């Protein structure tokens, strides 16, 4: 039962949400007396070490040269986007309340839906679009005073 649950995307997506929530709370405490860019660097170093450990222990390690130039380019661009996102997120956490910053950060869900349709050819039903609109409205409602 647990093995089949852990093999599906839903399990991992929900676990990601739990860790993202913990990230916001822990980061808010962490940036209290620290410059936000330095806090982002420390977090990034921890992420690199942790991801390296997971890749090594799971036997997924392979030479970067084995990856295609297209893969490297897109992963590189994704890394730049992640870095920019984290820098902005930590700056927002430094300046604002976690309970208001995190929901606006999650507007990325709305943008992913739009970009997935526009650039990846994904399809969403009208019910999906209602959900996307509700996420957008909810994020805004939580963020405003």
N, C-alpha and C. Protein backbone atom coordinates (compact mmCIF):
# COMPACT_ATOMS: atom_id res chain seq x y z
N UNK A 1 0.82 -1.20 0.00
CA UNK A 1 0.00 0.00 0.00
C UNK A 1 0.86 1.26 0.00
N UNK A 2 1.80 1.33 0.95
CA UNK A 2 2.65 2.51 1.03
C UNK A 2 3.55 2.60 -0.19
N UNK A 3 4.07 1.45 -0.63
CA UNK A 3 4.95 1.45 -1.81
C UNK A 3 4.21 1.98 -3.04
N UNK A 4 2.96 1.55 -3.24
CA UNK A 4 2.20 2.04 -4.40
C UNK A 4 1.84 3.51 -4.24
N UNK A 5 1.58 3.94 -3.01
CA UNK A 5 1.29 5.35 -2.76
C UNK A 5 2.51 6.21 -3.09
N UNK A 6 3.69 5.77 -2.67
CA UNK A 6 4.91 6.53 -2.88
C UNK A 6 5.36 6.53 -4.33
N UNK A 7 4.78 5.69 -5.17
CA UNK A 7 5.18 5.67 -6.58
C UNK A 7 4.36 6.63 -7.42
N UNK A 8 3.36 7.27 -6.85
CA UNK A 8 2.52 8.18 -7.62
C UNK A 8 2.89 9.64 -7.42
N UNK A 9 2.53 10.45 -8.40
CA UNK A 9 2.87 11.87 -8.37
C UNK A 9 2.15 12.60 -7.25
N UNK A 10 0.94 12.18 -6.91
CA UNK A 10 0.15 12.89 -5.91
C UNK A 10 0.84 12.87 -4.54
N UNK A 11 1.36 11.73 -4.15
CA UNK A 11 2.08 11.61 -2.88
C UNK A 11 3.22 12.60 -2.82
N UNK A 12 4.02 12.65 -3.87
CA UNK A 12 5.20 13.51 -3.89
C UNK A 12 4.82 14.98 -3.97
N UNK A 13 3.76 15.30 -4.68
CA UNK A 13 3.31 16.69 -4.77
C UNK A 13 2.83 17.18 -3.41
N UNK A 14 2.09 16.35 -2.69
CA UNK A 14 1.61 16.74 -1.35
C UNK A 14 2.78 16.86 -0.37
N UNK A 15 3.73 15.96 -0.48
CA UNK A 15 4.91 16.03 0.38
C UNK A 15 5.71 17.31 0.07
N UNK A 16 5.79 17.65 -1.20
CA UNK A 16 6.46 18.90 -1.59
C UNK A 16 5.77 20.11 -0.96
N UNK A 17 4.45 20.09 -0.91
CA UNK A 17 3.70 21.19 -0.29
C UNK A 17 4.00 21.29 1.20
N UNK A 18 4.10 20.15 1.86
CA UNK A 18 4.42 20.15 3.30
C UNK A 18 5.81 20.75 3.51
N UNK A 19 6.78 20.33 2.71
CA UNK A 19 8.13 20.87 2.85
C UNK A 19 8.20 22.35 2.45
N UNK A 20 7.43 22.75 1.45
CA UNK A 20 7.39 24.16 1.07
C UNK A 20 6.83 25.01 2.20
N UNK A 21 5.82 24.51 2.89
CA UNK A 21 5.27 25.24 4.04
C UNK A 21 6.32 25.35 5.14
N UNK A 22 7.01 24.26 5.41
CA UNK A 22 8.07 24.29 6.42
C UNK A 22 9.18 25.25 6.01
N UNK A 23 9.48 25.30 4.72
CA UNK A 23 10.50 26.20 4.20
C UNK A 23 10.15 27.64 4.52
N UNK A 24 8.92 28.02 4.30
CA UNK A 24 8.51 29.41 4.54
C UNK A 24 8.66 29.78 6.01
N UNK A 25 8.20 28.93 6.89
CA UNK A 25 8.27 29.24 8.32
C UNK A 25 9.71 29.24 8.81
N UNK A 26 10.48 28.23 8.44
CA UNK A 26 11.88 28.15 8.86
C UNK A 26 12.71 29.30 8.28
N UNK A 27 12.44 29.64 7.03
CA UNK A 27 13.18 30.73 6.39
C UNK A 27 12.85 32.07 7.03
N UNK A 28 11.60 32.29 7.37
CA UNK A 28 11.20 33.54 7.99
C UNK A 28 11.97 33.74 9.30
N UNK A 29 12.10 32.69 10.09
CA UNK A 29 12.87 32.77 11.32
C UNK A 29 14.35 32.97 10.99
N UNK A 30 14.83 32.29 9.96
CA UNK A 30 16.24 32.36 9.59
C UNK A 30 16.69 33.71 9.05
N UNK A 31 15.81 34.46 8.41
CA UNK A 31 16.21 35.76 7.84
C UNK A 31 16.03 36.91 8.82
N UNK A 32 15.54 36.62 10.00
CA UNK A 32 15.25 37.69 10.97
C UNK A 32 16.46 38.59 11.21
N UNK A 33 17.61 38.00 11.48
CA UNK A 33 18.81 38.78 11.79
C UNK A 33 19.91 38.58 10.75
N UNK A 34 19.52 38.21 9.53
CA UNK A 34 20.49 37.88 8.49
C UNK A 34 20.08 38.56 7.19
N UNK A 35 21.02 39.10 6.42
CA UNK A 35 20.67 39.64 5.10
C UNK A 35 20.04 38.54 4.23
N UNK A 36 19.01 38.91 3.50
CA UNK A 36 18.25 37.90 2.76
C UNK A 36 19.09 37.18 1.70
N UNK A 37 20.01 37.89 1.05
CA UNK A 37 20.83 37.23 0.02
C UNK A 37 21.80 36.22 0.64
N UNK A 38 22.36 36.55 1.81
CA UNK A 38 23.23 35.61 2.51
C UNK A 38 22.43 34.39 2.97
N UNK A 39 21.21 34.63 3.45
CA UNK A 39 20.35 33.51 3.86
C UNK A 39 20.06 32.60 2.67
N UNK A 40 19.84 33.19 1.50
CA UNK A 40 19.59 32.40 0.30
C UNK A 40 20.82 31.56 -0.05
N UNK A 41 22.00 32.14 0.07
CA UNK A 41 23.23 31.39 -0.21
C UNK A 41 23.37 30.20 0.72
N UNK A 42 23.16 30.42 2.01
CA UNK A 42 23.28 29.32 2.98
C UNK A 42 22.27 28.22 2.64
N UNK A 43 21.04 28.61 2.38
CA UNK A 43 20.01 27.62 2.03
C UNK A 43 20.42 26.86 0.77
N UNK A 44 20.95 27.56 -0.21
CA UNK A 44 21.34 26.93 -1.47
C UNK A 44 22.45 25.92 -1.26
N UNK A 45 23.43 26.26 -0.43
CA UNK A 45 24.52 25.32 -0.13
C UNK A 45 23.99 24.06 0.54
N UNK A 46 23.03 24.22 1.42
CA UNK A 46 22.42 23.06 2.07
C UNK A 46 21.68 22.22 1.04
N UNK A 47 20.94 22.87 0.15
CA UNK A 47 20.21 22.15 -0.89
C UNK A 47 21.17 21.39 -1.79
N UNK A 48 22.27 22.02 -2.19
CA UNK A 48 23.25 21.35 -3.05
C UNK A 48 23.83 20.12 -2.36
N UNK A 49 24.22 20.28 -1.10
CA UNK A 49 24.79 19.16 -0.36
C UNK A 49 23.76 18.04 -0.21
N UNK A 50 22.54 18.38 0.14
CA UNK A 50 21.49 17.38 0.34
C UNK A 50 21.16 16.67 -0.98
N UNK A 51 21.01 17.42 -2.05
CA UNK A 51 20.71 16.80 -3.35
C UNK A 51 21.86 15.91 -3.80
N UNK A 52 23.09 16.36 -3.59
CA UNK A 52 24.25 15.54 -3.93
C UNK A 52 24.26 14.23 -3.16
N UNK A 53 23.95 14.30 -1.88
CA UNK A 53 23.88 13.10 -1.05
C UNK A 53 22.81 12.14 -1.56
N UNK A 54 21.64 12.65 -1.88
CA UNK A 54 20.53 11.82 -2.38
C UNK A 54 20.92 11.16 -3.70
N UNK A 55 21.52 11.92 -4.60
CA UNK A 55 21.92 11.37 -5.90
C UNK A 55 22.99 10.29 -5.71
N UNK A 56 23.95 10.54 -4.83
CA UNK A 56 25.02 9.57 -4.60
C UNK A 56 24.48 8.30 -3.96
N UNK A 57 23.67 8.43 -2.92
CA UNK A 57 23.14 7.27 -2.20
C UNK A 57 22.20 6.45 -3.08
N UNK A 58 21.44 7.12 -3.93
CA UNK A 58 20.47 6.41 -4.77
C UNK A 58 21.09 5.83 -6.04
N UNK A 59 22.38 6.09 -6.26
CA UNK A 59 23.05 5.54 -7.44
C UNK A 59 22.71 6.24 -8.74
N UNK A 60 22.20 7.46 -8.66
CA UNK A 60 21.82 8.19 -9.87
C UNK A 60 22.96 9.02 -10.44
N UNK A 61 24.11 9.02 -9.78
CA UNK A 61 25.22 9.86 -10.20
C UNK A 61 25.72 9.43 -11.57
N UNK A 62 25.97 10.39 -12.43
CA UNK A 62 26.59 10.12 -13.72
C UNK A 62 27.29 11.37 -14.19
N UNK A 63 28.15 11.22 -15.17
CA UNK A 63 28.93 12.35 -15.66
C UNK A 63 28.02 13.38 -16.31
N UNK A 64 28.29 14.63 -16.01
CA UNK A 64 27.50 15.71 -16.61
C UNK A 64 27.63 15.67 -18.13
N UNK A 65 28.78 15.21 -18.60
CA UNK A 65 29.00 15.09 -20.05
C UNK A 65 28.06 14.11 -20.72
N UNK A 66 27.44 13.22 -19.95
CA UNK A 66 26.48 12.27 -20.51
C UNK A 66 25.14 12.94 -20.83
N UNK A 67 24.92 14.12 -20.27
CA UNK A 67 23.66 14.83 -20.51
C UNK A 67 23.73 15.56 -21.84
N UNK A 68 22.61 15.65 -22.52
CA UNK A 68 22.58 16.34 -23.81
C UNK A 68 22.73 17.85 -23.60
N UNK A 69 23.24 18.55 -24.61
CA UNK A 69 23.33 20.01 -24.50
C UNK A 69 21.97 20.67 -24.24
N UNK A 70 20.92 20.13 -24.82
CA UNK A 70 19.57 20.67 -24.59
C UNK A 70 19.17 20.51 -23.13
N UNK A 71 19.43 19.33 -22.58
CA UNK A 71 19.13 19.08 -21.16
C UNK A 71 19.91 20.03 -20.28
N UNK A 72 21.19 20.17 -20.55
CA UNK A 72 22.03 21.07 -19.75
C UNK A 72 21.54 22.51 -19.85
N UNK A 73 21.17 22.93 -21.05
CA UNK A 73 20.70 24.31 -21.24
C UNK A 73 19.43 24.57 -20.44
N UNK A 74 18.47 23.66 -20.55
CA UNK A 74 17.21 23.87 -19.85
C UNK A 74 17.36 23.73 -18.33
N UNK A 75 18.19 22.80 -17.88
CA UNK A 75 18.43 22.69 -16.45
C UNK A 75 19.19 23.92 -15.94
N UNK A 76 20.11 24.42 -16.73
CA UNK A 76 20.82 25.65 -16.37
C UNK A 76 19.89 26.84 -16.26
N UNK A 77 19.02 26.99 -17.25
CA UNK A 77 18.04 28.08 -17.20
C UNK A 77 17.08 27.92 -16.01
N UNK A 78 16.69 26.67 -15.75
CA UNK A 78 15.83 26.40 -14.60
C UNK A 78 16.55 26.77 -13.31
N UNK A 79 17.84 26.46 -13.24
CA UNK A 79 18.62 26.83 -12.06
C UNK A 79 18.70 28.33 -11.87
N UNK A 80 18.89 29.06 -12.96
CA UNK A 80 18.90 30.53 -12.87
C UNK A 80 17.54 31.06 -12.39
N UNK A 81 16.47 30.48 -12.92
CA UNK A 81 15.13 30.90 -12.50
C UNK A 81 14.91 30.56 -11.03
N UNK A 82 15.37 29.39 -10.60
CA UNK A 82 15.24 29.01 -9.19
C UNK A 82 16.00 29.98 -8.31
N UNK A 83 17.23 30.29 -8.68
CA UNK A 83 18.03 31.23 -7.91
C UNK A 83 17.37 32.59 -7.80
N UNK A 84 16.87 33.09 -8.92
CA UNK A 84 16.17 34.39 -8.90
C UNK A 84 14.93 34.32 -8.02
N UNK A 85 14.19 33.22 -8.13
CA UNK A 85 12.99 33.04 -7.32
C UNK A 85 13.33 33.03 -5.84
N UNK A 86 14.36 32.28 -5.46
CA UNK A 86 14.75 32.17 -4.05
C UNK A 86 15.23 33.50 -3.51
N UNK A 87 16.03 34.24 -4.31
CA UNK A 87 16.50 35.55 -3.86
C UNK A 87 15.32 36.48 -3.61
N UNK A 88 14.38 36.49 -4.53
CA UNK A 88 13.19 37.34 -4.37
C UNK A 88 12.34 36.88 -3.19
N UNK A 89 12.18 35.58 -3.04
CA UNK A 89 11.37 35.02 -1.96
C UNK A 89 11.95 35.37 -0.60
N UNK A 90 13.26 35.21 -0.45
CA UNK A 90 13.88 35.52 0.84
C UNK A 90 13.83 37.01 1.13
N UNK A 91 13.97 37.84 0.10
CA UNK A 91 13.84 39.29 0.30
C UNK A 91 12.42 39.62 0.74
N UNK A 92 11.44 39.00 0.11
CA UNK A 92 10.04 39.24 0.50
C UNK A 92 9.79 38.76 1.93
N UNK A 93 10.35 37.61 2.30
CA UNK A 93 10.19 37.11 3.67
C UNK A 93 10.85 38.04 4.68
N UNK A 94 11.98 38.60 4.31
CA UNK A 94 12.68 39.54 5.20
C UNK A 94 11.81 40.77 5.46
N UNK A 95 11.08 41.19 4.45
CA UNK A 95 10.31 42.43 4.53
C UNK A 95 8.86 42.23 4.95
N UNK A 96 8.33 41.04 4.74
CA UNK A 96 6.90 40.83 4.97
C UNK A 96 6.61 39.63 5.85
N UNK A 97 5.34 39.39 6.06
CA UNK A 97 4.88 38.27 6.88
C UNK A 97 4.82 36.99 6.03
N UNK A 98 5.29 35.89 6.62
CA UNK A 98 5.31 34.61 5.89
C UNK A 98 3.91 34.22 5.41
N UNK A 99 2.90 34.49 6.23
CA UNK A 99 1.53 34.11 5.88
C UNK A 99 0.98 34.93 4.72
N UNK A 100 1.63 36.02 4.38
CA UNK A 100 1.20 36.81 3.23
C UNK A 100 2.14 36.63 2.04
N UNK A 101 3.42 36.40 2.32
CA UNK A 101 4.40 36.23 1.25
C UNK A 101 4.19 34.90 0.53
N UNK A 102 4.08 33.81 1.31
CA UNK A 102 4.00 32.47 0.71
C UNK A 102 2.82 32.31 -0.25
N UNK A 103 1.62 32.80 0.08
CA UNK A 103 0.53 32.65 -0.89
C UNK A 103 0.79 33.38 -2.21
N UNK A 104 1.41 34.55 -2.15
CA UNK A 104 1.72 35.24 -3.41
C UNK A 104 2.78 34.48 -4.19
N UNK A 105 3.73 33.88 -3.49
CA UNK A 105 4.72 33.04 -4.15
C UNK A 105 4.04 31.88 -4.88
N UNK A 106 2.96 31.41 -4.30
CA UNK A 106 2.24 30.28 -4.90
C UNK A 106 1.40 30.69 -6.10
N UNK A 107 1.40 31.98 -6.43
CA UNK A 107 0.81 32.37 -7.71
C UNK A 107 1.58 31.71 -8.85
N UNK A 108 2.74 31.16 -8.54
CA UNK A 108 3.49 30.40 -9.54
C UNK A 108 2.63 29.25 -10.07
N UNK A 109 1.74 28.73 -9.24
CA UNK A 109 0.83 27.66 -9.68
C UNK A 109 -0.03 28.15 -10.84
N UNK A 110 -0.52 29.36 -10.70
CA UNK A 110 -1.35 29.96 -11.75
C UNK A 110 -0.52 30.18 -13.01
N UNK A 111 0.67 30.70 -12.83
CA UNK A 111 1.55 30.95 -13.98
C UNK A 111 1.98 29.66 -14.66
N UNK A 112 2.21 28.61 -13.90
CA UNK A 112 2.56 27.32 -14.49
C UNK A 112 1.41 26.79 -15.33
N UNK A 113 0.18 26.93 -14.83
CA UNK A 113 -0.97 26.48 -15.61
C UNK A 113 -1.04 27.23 -16.94
N UNK A 114 -0.88 28.53 -16.89
CA UNK A 114 -0.94 29.34 -18.12
C UNK A 114 0.21 28.99 -19.06
N UNK A 115 1.42 28.90 -18.51
CA UNK A 115 2.59 28.59 -19.35
C UNK A 115 2.56 27.15 -19.85
N UNK A 116 2.04 26.23 -19.04
CA UNK A 116 1.93 24.84 -19.49
C UNK A 116 1.04 24.72 -20.72
N UNK A 117 -0.05 25.47 -20.71
CA UNK A 117 -0.95 25.47 -21.86
C UNK A 117 -0.31 26.19 -23.04
N UNK A 118 0.28 27.37 -22.77
CA UNK A 118 0.82 28.19 -23.86
C UNK A 118 2.07 27.58 -24.50
N UNK A 119 2.97 27.00 -23.69
CA UNK A 119 4.26 26.59 -24.22
C UNK A 119 4.45 25.08 -24.33
N UNK A 120 3.70 24.31 -23.54
CA UNK A 120 3.89 22.86 -23.55
C UNK A 120 2.73 22.11 -24.20
N UNK A 121 1.70 22.84 -24.57
CA UNK A 121 0.56 22.20 -25.22
C UNK A 121 -0.31 21.40 -24.27
N UNK A 122 -0.19 21.65 -22.96
CA UNK A 122 -1.02 20.93 -22.00
C UNK A 122 -2.46 21.43 -22.10
N UNK A 123 -3.37 20.62 -21.66
CA UNK A 123 -4.79 20.96 -21.77
C UNK A 123 -5.41 20.97 -20.38
N UNK A 124 -6.19 21.99 -20.09
CA UNK A 124 -6.92 22.07 -18.84
C UNK A 124 -8.41 22.19 -19.15
N UNK A 125 -9.22 21.51 -18.36
CA UNK A 125 -10.67 21.59 -18.54
C UNK A 125 -11.17 22.89 -17.92
N UNK A 126 -12.43 23.19 -18.14
CA UNK A 126 -13.00 24.40 -17.55
C UNK A 126 -12.97 24.31 -16.02
N UNK A 127 -13.13 23.09 -15.49
CA UNK A 127 -13.04 22.91 -14.04
C UNK A 127 -11.63 23.23 -13.54
N UNK A 128 -10.63 22.82 -14.32
CA UNK A 128 -9.25 23.13 -13.96
C UNK A 128 -9.03 24.65 -13.94
N UNK A 129 -9.57 25.34 -14.94
CA UNK A 129 -9.41 26.79 -15.01
C UNK A 129 -10.13 27.49 -13.85
N UNK A 130 -11.27 26.94 -13.44
CA UNK A 130 -11.95 27.49 -12.26
C UNK A 130 -11.04 27.34 -11.04
N UNK A 131 -10.41 26.19 -10.90
CA UNK A 131 -9.48 25.97 -9.80
C UNK A 131 -8.30 26.93 -9.85
N UNK A 132 -7.76 27.16 -11.04
CA UNK A 132 -6.65 28.09 -11.21
C UNK A 132 -7.09 29.50 -10.79
N UNK A 133 -8.29 29.89 -11.22
CA UNK A 133 -8.81 31.22 -10.84
C UNK A 133 -9.01 31.31 -9.33
N UNK A 134 -9.46 30.23 -8.72
CA UNK A 134 -9.66 30.24 -7.26
C UNK A 134 -8.32 30.34 -6.52
N UNK A 135 -7.31 29.67 -7.04
CA UNK A 135 -5.97 29.78 -6.44
C UNK A 135 -5.51 31.23 -6.52
N UNK A 136 -5.68 31.84 -7.67
CA UNK A 136 -5.26 33.23 -7.84
C UNK A 136 -6.02 34.15 -6.87
N UNK A 137 -7.33 33.98 -6.82
CA UNK A 137 -8.14 34.81 -5.95
C UNK A 137 -7.77 34.57 -4.48
N UNK A 138 -7.58 33.32 -4.11
CA UNK A 138 -7.21 33.00 -2.73
C UNK A 138 -5.87 33.61 -2.34
N UNK A 139 -4.89 33.53 -3.23
CA UNK A 139 -3.57 34.09 -2.93
C UNK A 139 -3.68 35.59 -2.71
N UNK A 140 -4.44 36.25 -3.56
CA UNK A 140 -4.60 37.70 -3.42
C UNK A 140 -5.35 38.04 -2.13
N UNK A 141 -6.41 37.29 -1.84
CA UNK A 141 -7.18 37.57 -0.63
C UNK A 141 -6.37 37.35 0.65
N UNK A 142 -5.50 36.36 0.66
CA UNK A 142 -4.67 36.12 1.84
C UNK A 142 -3.61 37.23 1.95
N UNK A 143 -3.11 37.71 0.84
CA UNK A 143 -2.00 38.66 0.85
C UNK A 143 -2.41 40.09 1.21
N UNK A 144 -3.67 40.47 0.90
CA UNK A 144 -4.06 41.85 1.17
C UNK A 144 -4.50 42.02 2.62
N UNK A 145 -4.41 43.21 3.12
CA UNK A 145 -4.86 43.51 4.48
C UNK A 145 -6.31 43.84 4.48
